[in-house]
Protein backbone atom coordinates (compact mmCIF):
# COMPACT_ATOMS: atom_id res chain seq x y z
CA UNK A 1 0.00 0.00 0.00
CA UNK A 2 1.06 3.62 -0.52
CA UNK A 3 0.34 6.70 1.64
CA UNK A 4 -3.00 8.47 1.13
CA UNK A 5 -1.32 11.70 0.07
CA UNK A 6 -0.49 9.98 -3.24
CA UNK A 7 -4.12 10.74 -4.11
CA UNK A 8 -2.97 14.29 -4.76
CA UNK A 9 -1.12 12.98 -7.80
CA UNK A 10 -4.60 12.49 -9.26
CA UNK A 11 -4.75 16.27 -9.47
CA UNK A 12 -1.72 16.35 -11.72
CA UNK A 13 -2.74 13.40 -13.87
CA UNK A 14 -6.30 14.69 -14.20
CA UNK A 15 -5.17 18.08 -15.45
CA UNK A 16 -2.62 16.57 -17.83
CA UNK A 17 -5.31 14.36 -19.37
CA UNK A 18 -7.72 17.28 -19.67
CA UNK A 19 -5.05 19.49 -21.28
CA UNK A 20 -4.68 17.18 -24.29
CA UNK A 21 -8.43 16.72 -24.63
CA UNK A 22 -9.19 20.45 -24.35
CA UNK A 23 -6.40 21.19 -26.84
CA UNK A 24 -8.10 18.91 -29.35
CA UNK A 25 -11.48 20.53 -28.60
CA UNK A 26 -10.10 23.94 -29.62
CA UNK A 27 -8.53 22.35 -32.69
CA UNK A 28 -11.92 20.91 -33.63
CA UNK A 29 -10.64 17.33 -33.43
CA UNK A 30 -12.25 16.17 -30.18
CA UNK A 31 -16.03 16.48 -30.05
CA UNK A 32 -17.24 15.36 -26.63
CA UNK A 33 -20.76 14.11 -26.10
CA UNK A 34 -22.15 16.68 -23.68
CA UNK A 35 -24.60 14.28 -22.05
CA UNK A 36 -21.75 12.04 -20.92
CA UNK A 37 -19.61 14.90 -19.69
CA UNK A 38 -22.48 16.63 -17.87
CA UNK A 39 -23.19 13.56 -15.78
CA UNK A 40 -19.49 12.75 -15.42
CA UNK A 41 -19.35 16.18 -13.77
CA UNK A 42 -22.39 15.73 -11.55
CA UNK A 43 -21.74 12.21 -10.27
CA UNK A 44 -18.27 12.84 -8.71
CA UNK A 45 -19.52 16.03 -7.05
CA UNK A 46 -22.35 14.00 -5.53
CA UNK A 47 -19.72 11.41 -4.57
CA UNK A 48 -17.78 14.09 -2.66
CA UNK A 49 -20.89 14.91 -0.64
CA UNK A 50 -21.69 11.25 0.03
CA UNK A 51 -18.06 10.50 0.87
CA UNK A 52 -17.80 13.45 3.25
CA UNK A 53 -20.94 12.34 5.10
CA UNK A 54 -19.55 8.81 5.43
CA UNK A 55 -16.13 9.93 6.69
CA UNK A 56 -13.98 9.43 3.59
CA UNK A 57 -10.45 10.80 4.01
CA UNK A 58 -9.59 14.23 2.59
CA UNK A 59 -7.07 12.99 -0.03
CA UNK A 60 -9.64 10.60 -1.51
CA UNK A 61 -12.29 13.34 -1.41
CA UNK A 62 -9.90 15.58 -3.34
CA UNK A 63 -9.36 12.82 -5.88
CA UNK A 64 -13.14 12.41 -6.28
CA UNK A 65 -13.61 16.17 -6.62
CA UNK A 66 -11.03 16.31 -9.38
CA UNK A 67 -12.96 13.50 -11.09
CA UNK A 68 -15.85 15.95 -11.46
CA UNK A 69 -13.90 19.16 -11.97
CA UNK A 70 -12.03 17.83 -15.01
CA UNK A 71 -15.25 17.03 -16.93
CA UNK A 72 -16.51 20.48 -15.93
CA UNK A 73 -13.45 22.06 -17.57
CA UNK A 74 -14.04 19.99 -20.71
CA UNK A 75 -17.71 21.02 -20.82
CA UNK A 76 -16.69 24.65 -20.46
CA UNK A 77 -14.24 24.30 -23.34
CA UNK A 78 -17.06 23.20 -25.66
CA UNK A 79 -18.72 26.58 -25.14
CA UNK A 80 -15.89 28.33 -26.99
CA UNK A 81 -16.09 26.33 -30.20
CA UNK A 82 -19.47 25.73 -31.80
CA UNK A 83 -18.09 22.76 -33.74
CA UNK A 84 -16.45 21.12 -30.73
CA UNK A 85 -19.25 18.97 -29.37
CA UNK A 86 -21.21 16.00 -30.63
CA UNK A 87 -24.84 16.44 -31.64
CA UNK A 88 -27.16 15.26 -28.87
CA UNK A 89 -29.68 12.60 -29.90
CA UNK A 90 -32.89 11.39 -28.28
CA UNK A 91 -31.01 8.26 -27.21
CA UNK A 92 -28.41 10.43 -25.47
CA UNK A 93 -31.16 12.29 -23.62
CA UNK A 94 -32.69 8.97 -22.55
CA UNK A 95 -29.32 7.85 -21.19
CA UNK A 96 -29.04 11.16 -19.35
CA UNK A 97 -32.48 10.76 -17.77
CA UNK A 98 -31.64 7.22 -16.66
CA UNK A 99 -28.37 8.48 -15.19
CA UNK A 100 -30.23 11.23 -13.31
CA UNK A 101 -32.74 8.73 -11.88
CA UNK A 102 -29.88 6.46 -10.79
CA UNK A 103 -28.13 9.41 -9.09
CA UNK A 104 -31.30 10.28 -7.17
CA UNK A 105 -31.68 6.69 -5.98
CA UNK A 106 -27.96 6.59 -5.15
CA UNK A 107 -28.12 9.57 -2.78
CA UNK A 108 -31.48 8.70 -1.19
CA UNK A 109 -31.04 5.03 -0.35
CA UNK A 110 -29.35 4.09 2.91
CA UNK A 111 -28.31 0.59 1.88
CA UNK A 112 -24.61 0.63 1.01
CA UNK A 113 -24.69 -2.07 -1.66
CA UNK A 114 -27.81 -0.69 -3.35
CA UNK A 115 -26.46 2.85 -3.18
CA UNK A 116 -23.15 1.82 -4.78
CA UNK A 117 -24.93 -0.22 -7.43
CA UNK A 118 -26.92 2.81 -8.54
CA UNK A 119 -23.77 4.97 -8.45
CA UNK A 120 -22.24 2.54 -10.94
CA UNK A 121 -25.45 2.54 -13.02
CA UNK A 122 -25.51 6.33 -13.04
CA UNK A 123 -22.01 6.43 -14.51
CA UNK A 124 -22.74 3.59 -16.93
CA UNK A 125 -25.82 5.31 -18.38
CA UNK A 126 -23.76 8.50 -18.74
CA UNK A 127 -20.93 6.58 -20.41
CA UNK A 128 -23.00 4.73 -23.03
CA UNK A 129 -23.21 7.66 -25.52
CA UNK A 130 -19.44 8.14 -25.43
CA UNK A 131 -18.75 4.39 -25.57
CA UNK A 132 -20.85 4.17 -28.73
CA UNK A 133 -19.23 7.26 -30.23
CA UNK A 134 -15.73 6.02 -29.45
CA UNK A 135 -16.37 2.86 -31.47
CA UNK A 136 -18.34 4.44 -34.31
CA UNK A 137 -16.51 7.78 -34.63
CA UNK A 138 -13.15 7.23 -32.98
CA UNK A 139 -11.65 10.20 -34.83
CA UNK A 140 -13.72 12.55 -32.63
CA UNK A 141 -12.14 11.36 -29.37
CA UNK A 142 -8.80 11.52 -27.56
CA UNK A 143 -7.62 8.80 -25.18
CA UNK A 144 -5.82 11.18 -22.79
CA UNK A 145 -8.51 11.73 -20.11
CA UNK A 146 -9.51 8.07 -20.15
CA UNK A 147 -5.92 6.84 -19.88
CA UNK A 148 -5.10 9.14 -16.99
CA UNK A 149 -8.45 8.20 -15.45
CA UNK A 150 -7.24 4.59 -15.31
CA UNK A 151 -3.96 5.72 -13.80
CA UNK A 152 -5.85 7.58 -11.08
CA UNK A 153 -7.86 4.49 -10.27
CA UNK A 154 -4.65 2.46 -9.97
CA UNK A 155 -3.48 4.99 -7.40
CA UNK A 156 -6.80 4.57 -5.59
CA UNK A 157 -6.29 0.78 -5.53
CA UNK A 158 -2.82 1.21 -4.05
CA UNK A 159 -4.08 3.58 -1.35
CA UNK A 160 -6.89 1.30 -0.19
CA UNK A 161 -6.46 -0.57 3.06
CA UNK A 162 -9.93 -2.09 3.22
CA UNK A 163 -10.87 -4.28 0.27
CA UNK A 164 -14.55 -5.07 -0.10
CA UNK A 165 -17.33 -4.84 -2.67
CA UNK A 166 -18.12 -1.32 -1.49
CA UNK A 167 -14.54 -0.10 -1.98
CA UNK A 168 -13.59 -2.08 -5.09
CA UNK A 169 -16.72 -2.14 -7.26
CA UNK A 170 -16.60 1.41 -8.61
CA UNK A 171 -12.83 1.59 -9.29
CA UNK A 172 -12.94 -1.76 -11.12
CA UNK A 173 -15.98 -0.67 -13.12
CA UNK A 174 -14.31 2.67 -13.93
CA UNK A 175 -11.15 0.99 -15.22
CA UNK A 176 -13.14 -1.39 -17.41
CA UNK A 177 -15.31 1.38 -18.86
CA UNK A 178 -12.30 3.52 -19.70
CA UNK A 179 -10.59 0.54 -21.30
CA UNK A 180 -13.62 -0.05 -23.52
CA UNK A 181 -13.56 3.59 -24.61
CA UNK A 182 -9.81 3.51 -25.28
CA UNK A 183 -10.14 0.30 -27.30
CA UNK A 184 -12.90 1.94 -29.33
CA UNK A 185 -10.76 5.00 -30.03
CA UNK A 186 -7.72 2.92 -30.96
CA UNK A 187 -9.47 -0.02 -32.64
CA UNK A 188 -8.36 0.94 -36.15
CA UNK A 189 -4.73 1.10 -35.09
CA UNK A 190 -5.12 -2.19 -33.19
CA UNK A 191 -6.73 -3.87 -36.23
CA UNK A 192 -3.93 -2.56 -38.45
CA UNK A 193 -1.30 -3.84 -36.02
CA UNK A 194 -2.95 -7.25 -35.75
CA UNK A 195 -3.36 -7.49 -39.52
CA UNK A 196 0.32 -6.67 -39.98
CA UNK A 197 1.35 -9.32 -37.46
CA UNK A 198 -0.89 -11.92 -39.13
CA UNK A 199 0.59 -11.10 -42.54
CA UNK A 200 4.11 -11.37 -41.15
CA UNK A 201 3.36 -14.79 -39.60
CA UNK A 202 2.05 -16.30 -42.82
């Protein structure tokens, strides 16, 4: 295990990841789905409140706060370039509504397992539009925030001293979701690499 103050490194990694994404937003290359990023902003801020009420340590609260502040910065960046965000569809709105309902259940239920389950569902519903976009329109995304997001979760794993469903479920889910998005963004390069290896082996 590593000391809790290592959570402050999440600040650095979070801002580095956002820098590359925001740079591509201003260049017109990255076009974030606003529904995903709105709820990726809301959920961590709610998590800070829930964590504070349950006695979560300050370093981990800071890490959670950064998890919401970074999406907020990315959302703000989309306001400065009219061509820098993805068109919102009815399906996206449905995912957003489902995420909102899950957030409400998350913060109102007193059962730890149920509450965590709906926290995961809230993020999953928010993530679906971007997961789909990353696989269908990978050229409109940048892996930086998702890669550094995984790195931050690895730090969280290393800080943990109590391993249980309640402490492990969300970090594991978060890593898997970010991996799916990264694979979607990089799938063409991966397919090209695999095709080249197959040709070389024949």
